[in-house]
N, C-alpha and C. Protein backbone atom coordinates (compact mmCIF):
# COMPACT_ATOMS: atom_id res chain seq x y z
N UNK A 1 1.76 32.76 100.04
CA UNK A 1 2.62 32.23 98.99
C UNK A 1 3.94 32.99 98.99
N UNK A 2 5.04 32.27 98.88
CA UNK A 2 6.36 32.90 98.93
C UNK A 2 6.66 33.58 97.61
N UNK A 3 7.13 34.83 97.68
CA UNK A 3 7.46 35.57 96.46
C UNK A 3 8.90 35.30 96.07
N UNK A 4 9.11 35.12 94.77
CA UNK A 4 10.47 34.96 94.26
C UNK A 4 11.17 36.32 94.27
N UNK A 5 12.47 36.36 94.62
CA UNK A 5 13.18 37.63 94.58
C UNK A 5 13.26 38.17 93.16
N UNK A 6 13.24 39.49 93.06
CA UNK A 6 13.31 40.13 91.74
C UNK A 6 14.74 40.07 91.22
N UNK A 7 14.89 39.61 89.98
CA UNK A 7 16.21 39.57 89.35
C UNK A 7 16.65 40.98 89.01
N UNK A 8 17.91 41.27 89.27
CA UNK A 8 18.48 42.57 88.90
C UNK A 8 19.47 42.36 87.75
N UNK A 9 19.23 43.05 86.64
CA UNK A 9 20.12 42.96 85.48
C UNK A 9 20.75 44.32 85.23
N UNK A 10 22.07 44.37 85.30
CA UNK A 10 22.82 45.59 85.02
C UNK A 10 23.34 45.50 83.58
N UNK A 11 22.85 46.37 82.73
CA UNK A 11 23.21 46.36 81.31
C UNK A 11 24.32 47.38 81.07
N UNK A 12 25.53 46.88 80.98
CA UNK A 12 26.70 47.74 80.83
C UNK A 12 26.95 48.11 79.37
N UNK A 13 27.17 49.37 79.11
CA UNK A 13 27.79 49.80 77.87
C UNK A 13 29.28 49.42 77.94
N UNK A 14 29.95 49.38 76.81
CA UNK A 14 31.37 48.99 76.83
C UNK A 14 32.28 50.21 76.64
N UNK A 15 32.28 50.81 75.45
CA UNK A 15 33.22 51.90 75.16
C UNK A 15 32.93 53.12 76.02
N UNK A 16 33.92 53.53 76.80
CA UNK A 16 33.76 54.69 77.68
C UNK A 16 33.16 54.36 79.03
N UNK A 17 32.62 53.15 79.17
CA UNK A 17 31.98 52.75 80.42
C UNK A 17 32.77 51.65 81.11
N UNK A 18 32.90 50.50 80.45
CA UNK A 18 33.72 49.41 81.00
C UNK A 18 35.18 49.54 80.57
N UNK A 19 35.40 50.03 79.35
CA UNK A 19 36.77 50.22 78.86
C UNK A 19 36.94 51.66 78.38
N UNK A 20 38.15 52.13 78.47
CA UNK A 20 38.46 53.47 77.98
C UNK A 20 38.24 53.53 76.48
N UNK A 21 37.80 54.69 75.98
CA UNK A 21 37.65 54.86 74.55
C UNK A 21 38.99 54.73 73.84
N UNK A 22 38.95 54.20 72.62
CA UNK A 22 40.16 54.10 71.81
C UNK A 22 40.65 55.49 71.44
N UNK A 23 41.95 55.61 71.17
CA UNK A 23 42.53 56.91 70.82
C UNK A 23 41.92 57.47 69.54
N UNK A 24 41.65 56.60 68.55
CA UNK A 24 41.05 57.03 67.28
C UNK A 24 39.88 56.11 66.96
N UNK A 25 38.76 56.27 67.67
CA UNK A 25 37.69 55.29 67.59
C UNK A 25 36.99 55.20 66.25
N UNK A 26 37.06 56.24 65.42
CA UNK A 26 36.37 56.18 64.14
C UNK A 26 37.14 55.51 63.03
N UNK A 27 38.42 55.29 63.23
CA UNK A 27 39.27 54.82 62.14
C UNK A 27 38.89 53.44 61.62
N UNK A 28 38.50 52.53 62.51
CA UNK A 28 38.25 51.16 62.10
C UNK A 28 37.06 51.07 61.13
N UNK A 29 36.05 51.88 61.34
CA UNK A 29 34.89 51.88 60.45
C UNK A 29 35.31 52.38 59.05
N UNK A 30 36.14 53.42 59.04
CA UNK A 30 36.64 53.95 57.77
C UNK A 30 37.49 52.91 57.04
N UNK A 31 38.35 52.24 57.78
CA UNK A 31 39.20 51.21 57.18
C UNK A 31 38.36 50.05 56.64
N UNK A 32 37.29 49.71 57.36
CA UNK A 32 36.41 48.63 56.90
C UNK A 32 35.73 49.01 55.59
N UNK A 33 35.33 50.26 55.46
CA UNK A 33 34.72 50.72 54.21
C UNK A 33 35.75 50.69 53.07
N UNK A 34 36.96 51.15 53.34
CA UNK A 34 38.01 51.10 52.32
C UNK A 34 38.28 49.67 51.87
N UNK A 35 38.30 48.75 52.83
CA UNK A 35 38.55 47.35 52.49
C UNK A 35 37.41 46.79 51.64
N UNK A 36 36.20 47.19 51.94
CA UNK A 36 35.04 46.72 51.17
C UNK A 36 35.10 47.19 49.72
N UNK A 37 35.62 48.39 49.52
CA UNK A 37 35.69 48.97 48.18
C UNK A 37 37.01 48.68 47.48
N UNK A 38 38.03 48.31 48.26
CA UNK A 38 39.33 48.02 47.68
C UNK A 38 40.10 49.24 47.23
N UNK A 39 39.81 50.39 47.88
CA UNK A 39 40.54 51.61 47.52
C UNK A 39 40.53 52.59 48.68
N UNK A 40 41.46 53.55 48.63
CA UNK A 40 41.53 54.58 49.66
C UNK A 40 40.38 55.57 49.49
N UNK A 41 39.92 56.10 50.61
CA UNK A 41 38.84 57.08 50.60
C UNK A 41 39.18 58.21 51.57
N UNK A 42 38.71 59.42 51.31
CA UNK A 42 38.84 60.47 52.32
C UNK A 42 37.94 60.15 53.51
N UNK A 43 38.39 60.46 54.71
CA UNK A 43 37.57 60.20 55.90
C UNK A 43 36.63 61.38 56.10
N UNK A 44 35.34 61.14 55.90
CA UNK A 44 34.34 62.21 55.93
C UNK A 44 33.53 62.25 57.22
N UNK A 45 33.65 61.22 58.03
CA UNK A 45 32.81 61.11 59.23
C UNK A 45 33.68 61.02 60.47
N UNK A 46 33.44 61.91 61.42
CA UNK A 46 34.10 61.80 62.72
C UNK A 46 33.32 60.84 63.60
N UNK A 47 33.96 60.33 64.66
CA UNK A 47 33.28 59.37 65.52
C UNK A 47 32.22 60.08 66.36
N UNK A 48 31.07 59.42 66.49
CA UNK A 48 29.99 59.94 67.32
C UNK A 48 29.76 58.97 68.47
N UNK A 49 30.13 59.38 69.65
CA UNK A 49 30.04 58.50 70.81
C UNK A 49 28.59 58.13 71.11
N UNK A 50 28.39 56.85 71.40
CA UNK A 50 27.05 56.36 71.74
C UNK A 50 26.27 55.79 70.57
N UNK A 51 26.84 55.86 69.36
CA UNK A 51 26.16 55.28 68.19
C UNK A 51 26.41 53.78 68.13
N UNK A 52 25.55 53.06 67.44
CA UNK A 52 25.75 51.63 67.22
C UNK A 52 26.73 51.43 66.06
N UNK A 53 27.32 50.24 66.00
CA UNK A 53 28.18 49.91 64.85
C UNK A 53 27.42 50.09 63.54
N UNK A 54 26.19 49.57 63.50
CA UNK A 54 25.40 49.67 62.27
C UNK A 54 25.14 51.12 61.90
N UNK A 55 24.83 51.95 62.90
CA UNK A 55 24.56 53.36 62.63
C UNK A 55 25.78 54.10 62.11
N UNK A 56 26.93 53.80 62.67
CA UNK A 56 28.17 54.46 62.22
C UNK A 56 28.53 54.01 60.81
N UNK A 57 28.37 52.71 60.54
CA UNK A 57 28.68 52.21 59.19
C UNK A 57 27.76 52.85 58.15
N UNK A 58 26.47 52.93 58.47
CA UNK A 58 25.51 53.56 57.54
C UNK A 58 25.93 55.01 57.27
N UNK A 59 26.37 55.71 58.30
CA UNK A 59 26.77 57.11 58.11
C UNK A 59 27.99 57.21 57.19
N UNK A 60 28.96 56.33 57.38
CA UNK A 60 30.13 56.33 56.51
C UNK A 60 29.74 56.02 55.06
N UNK A 61 28.90 55.01 54.88
CA UNK A 61 28.47 54.62 53.53
C UNK A 61 27.73 55.78 52.84
N UNK A 62 26.82 56.41 53.56
CA UNK A 62 26.02 57.48 52.95
C UNK A 62 26.85 58.75 52.72
N UNK A 63 27.85 58.99 53.56
CA UNK A 63 28.70 60.16 53.37
C UNK A 63 29.42 60.11 52.03
N UNK A 64 29.69 58.90 51.57
CA UNK A 64 30.37 58.73 50.27
C UNK A 64 29.37 58.45 49.15
N UNK A 65 28.08 58.66 49.44
CA UNK A 65 27.01 58.48 48.45
C UNK A 65 27.00 57.07 47.86
N UNK A 66 27.23 56.10 48.74
CA UNK A 66 27.21 54.70 48.35
C UNK A 66 25.89 54.07 48.78
N UNK A 67 25.61 52.88 48.25
CA UNK A 67 24.34 52.22 48.52
C UNK A 67 24.35 51.52 49.88
N UNK A 68 23.21 51.57 50.60
CA UNK A 68 23.11 50.92 51.90
C UNK A 68 23.32 49.41 51.82
N UNK A 69 23.18 48.85 50.63
CA UNK A 69 23.41 47.42 50.46
C UNK A 69 24.83 47.00 50.78
N UNK A 70 25.73 47.98 50.85
CA UNK A 70 27.13 47.71 51.17
C UNK A 70 27.35 47.47 52.67
N UNK A 71 26.37 47.85 53.49
CA UNK A 71 26.55 47.82 54.95
C UNK A 71 26.94 46.45 55.49
N UNK A 72 26.27 45.34 55.12
CA UNK A 72 26.69 44.04 55.67
C UNK A 72 28.13 43.66 55.32
N UNK A 73 28.57 44.04 54.13
CA UNK A 73 29.96 43.75 53.73
C UNK A 73 30.93 44.53 54.60
N UNK A 74 30.64 45.81 54.82
CA UNK A 74 31.50 46.63 55.68
C UNK A 74 31.51 46.08 57.10
N UNK A 75 30.36 45.63 57.57
CA UNK A 75 30.26 45.05 58.91
C UNK A 75 31.15 43.82 59.04
N UNK A 76 31.18 42.99 58.01
CA UNK A 76 32.06 41.82 58.02
C UNK A 76 33.52 42.20 58.09
N UNK A 77 33.91 43.24 57.35
CA UNK A 77 35.30 43.70 57.39
C UNK A 77 35.63 44.33 58.74
N UNK A 78 34.65 44.97 59.37
CA UNK A 78 34.87 45.52 60.71
C UNK A 78 35.20 44.41 61.70
N UNK A 79 34.48 43.32 61.61
CA UNK A 79 34.77 42.16 62.47
C UNK A 79 36.18 41.65 62.21
N UNK A 80 36.52 41.50 60.92
CA UNK A 80 37.86 40.99 60.56
C UNK A 80 38.96 41.90 61.09
N UNK A 81 38.79 43.20 60.95
CA UNK A 81 39.79 44.15 61.42
C UNK A 81 39.92 44.09 62.94
N UNK A 82 38.79 43.93 63.63
CA UNK A 82 38.82 43.82 65.09
C UNK A 82 39.59 42.57 65.51
N UNK A 83 39.36 41.47 64.81
CA UNK A 83 40.07 40.23 65.12
C UNK A 83 41.56 40.37 64.85
N UNK A 84 41.90 41.00 63.72
CA UNK A 84 43.32 41.18 63.38
C UNK A 84 44.03 42.03 64.43
N UNK A 85 43.39 43.08 64.88
CA UNK A 85 44.01 43.95 65.89
C UNK A 85 44.17 43.21 67.21
N UNK A 86 43.16 42.42 67.57
CA UNK A 86 43.25 41.66 68.82
C UNK A 86 44.41 40.66 68.75
N UNK A 87 44.52 39.96 67.63
CA UNK A 87 45.58 38.96 67.47
C UNK A 87 46.97 39.61 67.46
N UNK A 88 47.03 40.84 67.00
CA UNK A 88 48.33 41.53 66.94
C UNK A 88 48.76 42.08 68.29
N UNK A 89 47.88 41.92 69.30
CA UNK A 89 48.23 42.36 70.65
C UNK A 89 47.64 43.69 71.05
N UNK A 90 46.76 44.23 70.21
CA UNK A 90 46.10 45.50 70.55
C UNK A 90 45.21 45.30 71.79
N UNK A 91 45.37 46.13 72.78
CA UNK A 91 44.65 45.97 74.03
C UNK A 91 43.98 47.27 74.44
N UNK A 92 42.90 47.17 75.21
CA UNK A 92 42.20 48.33 75.73
C UNK A 92 42.45 48.42 77.24
N UNK A 93 42.15 49.58 77.81
CA UNK A 93 42.34 49.82 79.23
C UNK A 93 40.99 49.81 79.93
N UNK A 94 40.85 49.06 81.02
CA UNK A 94 39.57 49.09 81.73
C UNK A 94 39.33 50.46 82.35
N UNK A 95 38.09 50.89 82.40
CA UNK A 95 37.75 52.15 83.06
C UNK A 95 37.98 51.99 84.56
N UNK A 96 38.32 53.09 85.26
CA UNK A 96 38.62 53.00 86.69
C UNK A 96 37.50 52.34 87.49
N UNK A 97 37.85 51.26 88.19
CA UNK A 97 36.89 50.58 89.07
C UNK A 97 35.94 49.63 88.40
N UNK A 98 35.95 49.57 87.06
CA UNK A 98 34.96 48.76 86.36
C UNK A 98 35.13 47.27 86.63
N UNK A 99 36.36 46.78 86.63
CA UNK A 99 36.60 45.36 86.90
C UNK A 99 36.04 44.97 88.27
N UNK A 100 36.35 45.79 89.28
CA UNK A 100 35.93 45.48 90.64
C UNK A 100 34.41 45.58 90.80
N UNK A 101 33.78 46.57 90.15
CA UNK A 101 32.34 46.75 90.33
C UNK A 101 31.55 45.63 89.64
N UNK A 102 32.03 45.18 88.50
CA UNK A 102 31.38 44.04 87.84
C UNK A 102 31.45 42.81 88.76
N UNK A 103 32.60 42.57 89.36
CA UNK A 103 32.73 41.45 90.29
C UNK A 103 31.82 41.63 91.51
N UNK A 104 31.76 42.86 92.02
CA UNK A 104 30.91 43.16 93.17
C UNK A 104 29.45 42.84 92.87
N UNK A 105 28.98 43.25 91.71
CA UNK A 105 27.58 43.00 91.35
C UNK A 105 27.32 41.50 91.20
N UNK A 106 28.28 40.78 90.65
CA UNK A 106 28.14 39.32 90.54
C UNK A 106 28.04 38.69 91.93
N UNK A 107 28.85 39.19 92.88
CA UNK A 107 28.82 38.68 94.25
C UNK A 107 27.48 38.96 94.93
N UNK A 108 26.83 40.06 94.53
CA UNK A 108 25.51 40.40 95.07
C UNK A 108 24.41 39.52 94.48
N UNK A 109 24.75 38.75 93.47
CA UNK A 109 23.75 37.93 92.79
C UNK A 109 23.05 38.67 91.66
N UNK A 110 23.58 39.84 91.31
CA UNK A 110 23.03 40.58 90.18
C UNK A 110 23.59 40.02 88.89
N UNK A 111 22.81 40.16 87.84
CA UNK A 111 23.21 39.70 86.51
C UNK A 111 23.93 40.83 85.78
N UNK A 112 25.17 40.60 85.38
CA UNK A 112 25.91 41.56 84.56
C UNK A 112 25.66 41.25 83.09
N UNK A 113 24.85 42.09 82.45
CA UNK A 113 24.62 41.96 81.02
C UNK A 113 25.33 43.08 80.29
N UNK A 114 25.21 43.09 78.98
CA UNK A 114 25.79 44.13 78.15
C UNK A 114 24.70 44.76 77.29
N UNK A 115 24.80 46.06 77.10
CA UNK A 115 23.97 46.74 76.11
C UNK A 115 24.89 47.71 75.40
N UNK A 116 25.28 47.34 74.19
CA UNK A 116 26.37 48.02 73.51
C UNK A 116 26.07 48.20 72.03
N UNK A 117 26.68 49.20 71.45
CA UNK A 117 26.57 49.40 70.02
C UNK A 117 27.39 48.42 69.21
N UNK A 118 28.25 47.66 69.87
CA UNK A 118 29.10 46.68 69.20
C UNK A 118 28.36 45.37 68.93
N UNK A 119 28.97 44.52 68.11
CA UNK A 119 28.51 43.14 67.96
C UNK A 119 28.96 42.33 69.17
N UNK A 120 28.38 41.16 69.34
CA UNK A 120 28.79 40.28 70.43
C UNK A 120 30.27 39.93 70.30
N UNK A 121 30.72 39.69 69.08
CA UNK A 121 32.12 39.33 68.87
C UNK A 121 33.05 40.48 69.27
N UNK A 122 32.74 41.68 68.79
CA UNK A 122 33.60 42.83 69.10
C UNK A 122 33.56 43.15 70.60
N UNK A 123 32.40 42.96 71.23
CA UNK A 123 32.29 43.16 72.68
C UNK A 123 33.23 42.21 73.41
N UNK A 124 33.23 40.96 73.02
CA UNK A 124 34.07 39.95 73.68
C UNK A 124 35.55 40.29 73.52
N UNK A 125 35.95 40.69 72.31
CA UNK A 125 37.34 41.03 72.04
C UNK A 125 37.79 42.22 72.89
N UNK A 126 36.95 43.24 72.97
CA UNK A 126 37.31 44.43 73.76
C UNK A 126 37.43 44.11 75.24
N UNK A 127 36.49 43.33 75.75
CA UNK A 127 36.51 42.98 77.18
C UNK A 127 37.71 42.10 77.51
N UNK A 128 37.99 41.12 76.67
CA UNK A 128 39.16 40.27 76.88
C UNK A 128 40.43 41.10 76.86
N UNK A 129 40.51 42.02 75.91
CA UNK A 129 41.69 42.86 75.77
C UNK A 129 41.90 43.81 76.93
N UNK A 130 40.83 44.09 77.69
CA UNK A 130 40.93 44.99 78.84
C UNK A 130 41.05 44.23 80.15
N UNK A 131 41.14 42.91 80.07
CA UNK A 131 41.38 42.11 81.27
C UNK A 131 40.14 41.63 82.00
N UNK A 132 38.97 41.72 81.39
CA UNK A 132 37.75 41.23 82.02
C UNK A 132 37.63 39.72 81.85
N UNK A 133 37.02 39.08 82.85
CA UNK A 133 36.60 37.69 82.73
C UNK A 133 35.27 37.72 81.98
N UNK A 134 35.26 37.30 80.74
CA UNK A 134 34.03 37.43 79.94
C UNK A 134 32.93 36.51 80.45
N UNK A 135 33.30 35.50 81.25
CA UNK A 135 32.28 34.59 81.78
C UNK A 135 31.49 35.19 82.93
N UNK A 136 31.92 36.35 83.43
CA UNK A 136 31.15 37.01 84.49
C UNK A 136 29.92 37.72 83.90
N UNK A 137 29.90 37.85 82.57
CA UNK A 137 28.76 38.48 81.90
C UNK A 137 27.77 37.42 81.43
N UNK A 138 26.49 37.78 81.49
CA UNK A 138 25.42 36.90 81.02
C UNK A 138 25.15 37.24 79.55
N UNK A 139 25.69 36.42 78.67
CA UNK A 139 25.60 36.72 77.24
C UNK A 139 24.21 36.43 76.69
N UNK A 140 23.41 35.65 77.44
CA UNK A 140 22.03 35.40 77.02
C UNK A 140 21.14 36.60 77.32
N UNK A 141 21.57 37.44 78.25
CA UNK A 141 20.83 38.65 78.59
C UNK A 141 21.69 39.87 78.28
N UNK A 142 22.23 39.89 77.07
CA UNK A 142 23.03 41.00 76.57
C UNK A 142 22.51 41.38 75.19
N UNK A 143 22.69 42.65 74.83
CA UNK A 143 22.00 43.19 73.66
C UNK A 143 22.98 44.03 72.85
N UNK A 144 23.00 43.80 71.53
CA UNK A 144 24.08 44.30 70.69
C UNK A 144 23.56 45.14 69.52
N UNK A 145 24.43 46.04 69.05
CA UNK A 145 24.00 47.03 68.07
C UNK A 145 24.59 46.88 66.68
N UNK A 146 25.03 45.68 66.32
CA UNK A 146 25.65 45.52 65.01
C UNK A 146 24.62 45.47 63.89
N UNK A 147 23.33 45.28 64.22
CA UNK A 147 22.30 45.29 63.17
C UNK A 147 21.25 46.38 63.39
N UNK A 148 21.37 47.13 64.47
CA UNK A 148 20.41 48.20 64.76
C UNK A 148 21.04 49.56 64.47
N UNK A 149 20.45 50.31 63.56
CA UNK A 149 21.00 51.62 63.20
C UNK A 149 20.85 52.60 64.36
N UNK A 150 19.73 52.52 65.07
CA UNK A 150 19.49 53.40 66.21
C UNK A 150 19.61 52.62 67.52
N UNK A 151 20.21 53.25 68.52
CA UNK A 151 20.43 52.58 69.80
C UNK A 151 19.11 52.21 70.48
N UNK A 152 18.07 53.01 70.26
CA UNK A 152 16.77 52.69 70.86
C UNK A 152 16.23 51.35 70.38
N UNK A 153 16.67 50.91 69.21
CA UNK A 153 16.28 49.58 68.74
C UNK A 153 16.86 48.48 69.61
N UNK A 154 18.05 48.71 70.13
CA UNK A 154 18.69 47.74 71.02
C UNK A 154 17.98 47.75 72.38
N UNK A 155 17.72 48.94 72.91
CA UNK A 155 17.07 49.01 74.22
C UNK A 155 15.64 48.46 74.18
N UNK A 156 14.97 48.57 73.03
CA UNK A 156 13.61 48.03 72.92
C UNK A 156 13.61 46.51 73.08
N UNK A 157 14.60 45.86 72.49
CA UNK A 157 14.72 44.40 72.62
C UNK A 157 14.97 44.04 74.09
N UNK A 158 15.85 44.79 74.75
CA UNK A 158 16.17 44.54 76.16
C UNK A 158 14.95 44.73 77.04
N UNK A 159 14.21 45.81 76.82
CA UNK A 159 13.04 46.10 77.65
C UNK A 159 11.98 45.00 77.54
N UNK A 160 11.78 44.50 76.34
CA UNK A 160 10.80 43.43 76.14
C UNK A 160 11.23 42.15 76.86
N UNK A 161 12.53 41.85 76.79
CA UNK A 161 13.05 40.61 77.39
C UNK A 161 13.06 40.66 78.91
N UNK A 162 13.23 41.86 79.47
CA UNK A 162 13.44 42.00 80.91
C UNK A 162 12.23 42.55 81.66
N UNK A 163 11.10 42.62 81.00
CA UNK A 163 9.88 43.14 81.63
C UNK A 163 9.57 42.37 82.92
N UNK A 164 9.27 43.12 83.99
CA UNK A 164 8.95 42.51 85.26
C UNK A 164 10.13 42.31 86.18
N UNK A 165 11.34 42.49 85.66
CA UNK A 165 12.53 42.39 86.49
C UNK A 165 13.13 43.79 86.70
N UNK A 166 14.06 43.89 87.62
CA UNK A 166 14.76 45.16 87.81
C UNK A 166 15.90 45.22 86.80
N UNK A 167 15.95 46.29 86.01
CA UNK A 167 17.01 46.43 85.02
C UNK A 167 17.46 47.88 84.98
N UNK A 168 18.71 48.08 84.60
CA UNK A 168 19.28 49.42 84.50
C UNK A 168 20.34 49.41 83.42
N UNK A 169 20.46 50.52 82.72
CA UNK A 169 21.52 50.71 81.74
C UNK A 169 22.58 51.59 82.36
N UNK A 170 23.83 51.15 82.33
CA UNK A 170 24.96 51.96 82.80
C UNK A 170 25.76 52.37 81.57
N UNK A 171 25.86 53.68 81.34
CA UNK A 171 26.55 54.16 80.16
C UNK A 171 27.22 55.50 80.40
N UNK A 172 27.93 55.98 79.39
CA UNK A 172 28.75 57.18 79.55
C UNK A 172 28.36 58.32 78.64
N UNK A 173 27.28 58.17 77.86
CA UNK A 173 26.90 59.24 76.93
C UNK A 173 25.42 59.59 77.06
N UNK A 174 25.05 60.81 76.68
CA UNK A 174 23.63 61.16 76.64
C UNK A 174 22.83 60.24 75.72
N UNK A 175 23.44 59.72 74.66
CA UNK A 175 22.73 58.80 73.77
C UNK A 175 22.30 57.53 74.51
N UNK A 176 23.14 57.07 75.44
CA UNK A 176 22.74 55.92 76.26
C UNK A 176 21.47 56.26 77.03
N UNK A 177 21.44 57.46 77.60
CA UNK A 177 20.28 57.89 78.36
C UNK A 177 19.04 58.05 77.50
N UNK A 178 19.19 58.62 76.33
CA UNK A 178 18.05 58.81 75.42
C UNK A 178 17.45 57.46 75.00
N UNK A 179 18.33 56.50 74.72
CA UNK A 179 17.85 55.18 74.30
C UNK A 179 17.18 54.45 75.45
N UNK A 180 17.67 54.67 76.68
CA UNK A 180 17.03 54.09 77.87
C UNK A 180 15.65 54.73 78.08
N UNK A 181 15.60 56.06 77.97
CA UNK A 181 14.34 56.79 78.15
C UNK A 181 13.27 56.31 77.17
N UNK A 182 13.69 56.00 75.94
CA UNK A 182 12.74 55.65 74.88
C UNK A 182 11.93 54.41 75.22
N UNK A 183 12.46 53.56 76.10
CA UNK A 183 11.76 52.31 76.42
C UNK A 183 11.49 52.15 77.91
N UNK A 184 11.80 53.19 78.70
CA UNK A 184 11.47 53.16 80.12
C UNK A 184 12.42 52.37 81.00
N UNK A 185 13.67 52.20 80.57
CA UNK A 185 14.67 51.56 81.43
C UNK A 185 15.45 52.66 82.14
N UNK A 186 15.65 52.59 83.45
CA UNK A 186 16.44 53.61 84.15
C UNK A 186 17.88 53.63 83.64
N UNK A 187 18.50 54.80 83.81
CA UNK A 187 19.85 55.05 83.30
C UNK A 187 20.74 55.55 84.43
N UNK A 188 21.90 54.92 84.57
CA UNK A 188 22.95 55.40 85.47
C UNK A 188 24.12 55.83 84.60
N UNK A 189 24.60 57.05 84.81
CA UNK A 189 25.67 57.60 83.98
C UNK A 189 27.01 57.58 84.71
N UNK A 190 28.06 57.27 83.97
CA UNK A 190 29.43 57.34 84.50
C UNK A 190 30.25 58.24 83.60
N UNK A 191 31.01 59.14 84.21
CA UNK A 191 31.75 60.15 83.45
C UNK A 191 33.17 59.68 83.12
N UNK A 192 33.27 58.47 82.58
CA UNK A 192 34.57 57.91 82.23
C UNK A 192 34.81 57.88 80.73
N UNK A 193 33.89 58.50 79.98
CA UNK A 193 34.02 58.55 78.54
C UNK A 193 34.26 59.97 78.05
N UNK A 194 33.53 60.35 77.01
CA UNK A 194 33.74 61.65 76.39
C UNK A 194 32.97 62.78 77.06
N UNK A 195 32.06 62.46 77.98
CA UNK A 195 31.20 63.48 78.60
C UNK A 195 31.52 63.60 80.09
N UNK A 196 31.52 64.84 80.58
CA UNK A 196 31.82 65.06 81.99
C UNK A 196 30.54 64.98 82.83
N UNK A 197 30.72 65.09 84.15
CA UNK A 197 29.60 64.97 85.08
C UNK A 197 28.52 66.00 84.77
N UNK A 198 28.91 67.24 84.48
CA UNK A 198 27.92 68.29 84.21
C UNK A 198 27.05 67.94 83.02
N UNK A 199 27.66 67.45 81.95
CA UNK A 199 26.89 67.08 80.75
C UNK A 199 25.95 65.93 81.05
N UNK A 200 26.38 64.98 81.85
CA UNK A 200 25.55 63.82 82.15
C UNK A 200 24.43 64.14 83.13
N UNK A 201 24.64 65.18 83.95
CA UNK A 201 23.57 65.58 84.86
C UNK A 201 22.40 66.22 84.10
N UNK A 202 22.63 66.61 82.87
CA UNK A 202 21.56 67.17 82.05
C UNK A 202 20.68 66.07 81.44
N UNK A 203 21.04 64.81 81.66
CA UNK A 203 20.22 63.69 81.18
C UNK A 203 19.23 63.29 82.27
N UNK A 204 18.49 62.23 82.02
CA UNK A 204 17.51 61.73 82.99
C UNK A 204 18.12 60.75 83.98
N UNK A 205 19.44 60.65 84.04
CA UNK A 205 20.10 59.64 84.87
C UNK A 205 19.63 59.67 86.31
N UNK A 206 19.38 58.50 86.87
CA UNK A 206 18.98 58.40 88.28
C UNK A 206 20.18 58.61 89.19
N UNK A 207 21.38 58.46 88.65
CA UNK A 207 22.62 58.76 89.36
C UNK A 207 23.70 59.06 88.34
N UNK A 208 24.59 59.99 88.68
CA UNK A 208 25.73 60.33 87.82
C UNK A 208 26.99 60.13 88.65
N UNK A 209 27.84 59.23 88.20
CA UNK A 209 29.07 58.90 88.93
C UNK A 209 30.29 59.46 88.21
N UNK A 210 31.25 59.89 89.02
CA UNK A 210 32.52 60.32 88.42
C UNK A 210 33.23 59.14 87.79
N UNK A 211 33.26 58.02 88.48
CA UNK A 211 33.78 56.77 87.95
C UNK A 211 33.32 55.65 88.87
N UNK A 212 33.76 54.43 88.61
CA UNK A 212 33.32 53.28 89.39
C UNK A 212 34.19 53.02 90.62
N UNK A 213 35.09 53.95 90.92
CA UNK A 213 35.88 53.88 92.16
C UNK A 213 35.31 54.87 93.17
N UNK A 214 35.37 56.15 92.83
CA UNK A 214 34.92 57.18 93.76
C UNK A 214 33.44 57.07 94.09
N UNK A 215 32.65 56.63 93.12
CA UNK A 215 31.20 56.60 93.32
C UNK A 215 30.60 55.21 93.18
N UNK A 216 31.39 54.20 93.53
CA UNK A 216 30.89 52.81 93.45
C UNK A 216 29.65 52.62 94.32
N UNK A 217 29.67 53.16 95.54
CA UNK A 217 28.53 53.00 96.45
C UNK A 217 27.29 53.72 95.90
N UNK A 218 27.49 54.91 95.33
CA UNK A 218 26.39 55.66 94.73
C UNK A 218 25.71 54.83 93.65
N UNK A 219 26.50 54.20 92.79
CA UNK A 219 25.95 53.38 91.70
C UNK A 219 25.17 52.20 92.28
N UNK A 220 25.79 51.50 93.22
CA UNK A 220 25.14 50.32 93.81
C UNK A 220 23.82 50.68 94.48
N UNK A 221 23.83 51.75 95.26
CA UNK A 221 22.61 52.14 95.99
C UNK A 221 21.51 52.60 95.03
N UNK A 222 21.91 53.29 93.97
CA UNK A 222 20.91 53.73 93.00
C UNK A 222 20.23 52.55 92.34
N UNK A 223 21.01 51.53 91.99
CA UNK A 223 20.45 50.35 91.34
C UNK A 223 19.58 49.55 92.31
N UNK A 224 20.06 49.41 93.54
CA UNK A 224 19.32 48.63 94.54
C UNK A 224 17.95 49.24 94.83
N UNK A 225 17.81 50.54 94.64
CA UNK A 225 16.56 51.22 94.95
C UNK A 225 15.56 51.28 93.81
N UNK A 226 15.90 50.67 92.67
CA UNK A 226 15.01 50.75 91.51
C UNK A 226 13.85 49.78 91.60
N UNK A 227 12.72 50.18 91.05
CA UNK A 227 11.56 49.30 90.95
C UNK A 227 11.70 48.42 89.71
N UNK A 228 11.02 47.28 89.68
CA UNK A 228 11.03 46.45 88.46
C UNK A 228 10.44 47.19 87.27
N UNK A 229 10.84 46.79 86.08
CA UNK A 229 10.28 47.38 84.86
C UNK A 229 8.80 47.01 84.76
N UNK A 230 8.03 47.93 84.23
CA UNK A 230 6.60 47.68 84.07
C UNK A 230 6.33 46.69 82.94
């Protein structure tokens, strides 16, 4: 009996992995909380790389001793602010080599998915703003963190959906690795975000790349050698 080829799904993180981190990444969450309350607030929370949108919003809300019931309202304002910035011409910079490597994987017949702390809407806006063809991504096999406080909640959904296929998470923070480890998905690290190669080598990553230019072959070979998920 002829065996079907194993599908390969590459689950890309966005911030720090596909696109460069914003200069002030925590500001939008703070502004969304201020808009929800209709008043200025002191900024009590610094940005924590690798957190989900929901997790960051919860932290901002609790830092001001507000009720968690406010979270969906703040999330709505976060979407609105993201849309307003996009319409005003705010753009992001693609990480080195990311555009080409996404295209390369598509040419290989691999599925480019997303696994991000952002919502699907915010993911699309960021990718469009950085010059990506959003149609090269498989949005049906992408996983988002706008309702999951912990990133492992996002990876758990991905692991269940992709069982039996080859899958990998590509990200730029130890949190990406921890969330991958929690559900048994392999992790490939790229040092294009807030963490350098040395910090990422301390994770369980099957490969650590300087970026998607210098180490494009390393990334591709590491993924090609992976076994399907159990």
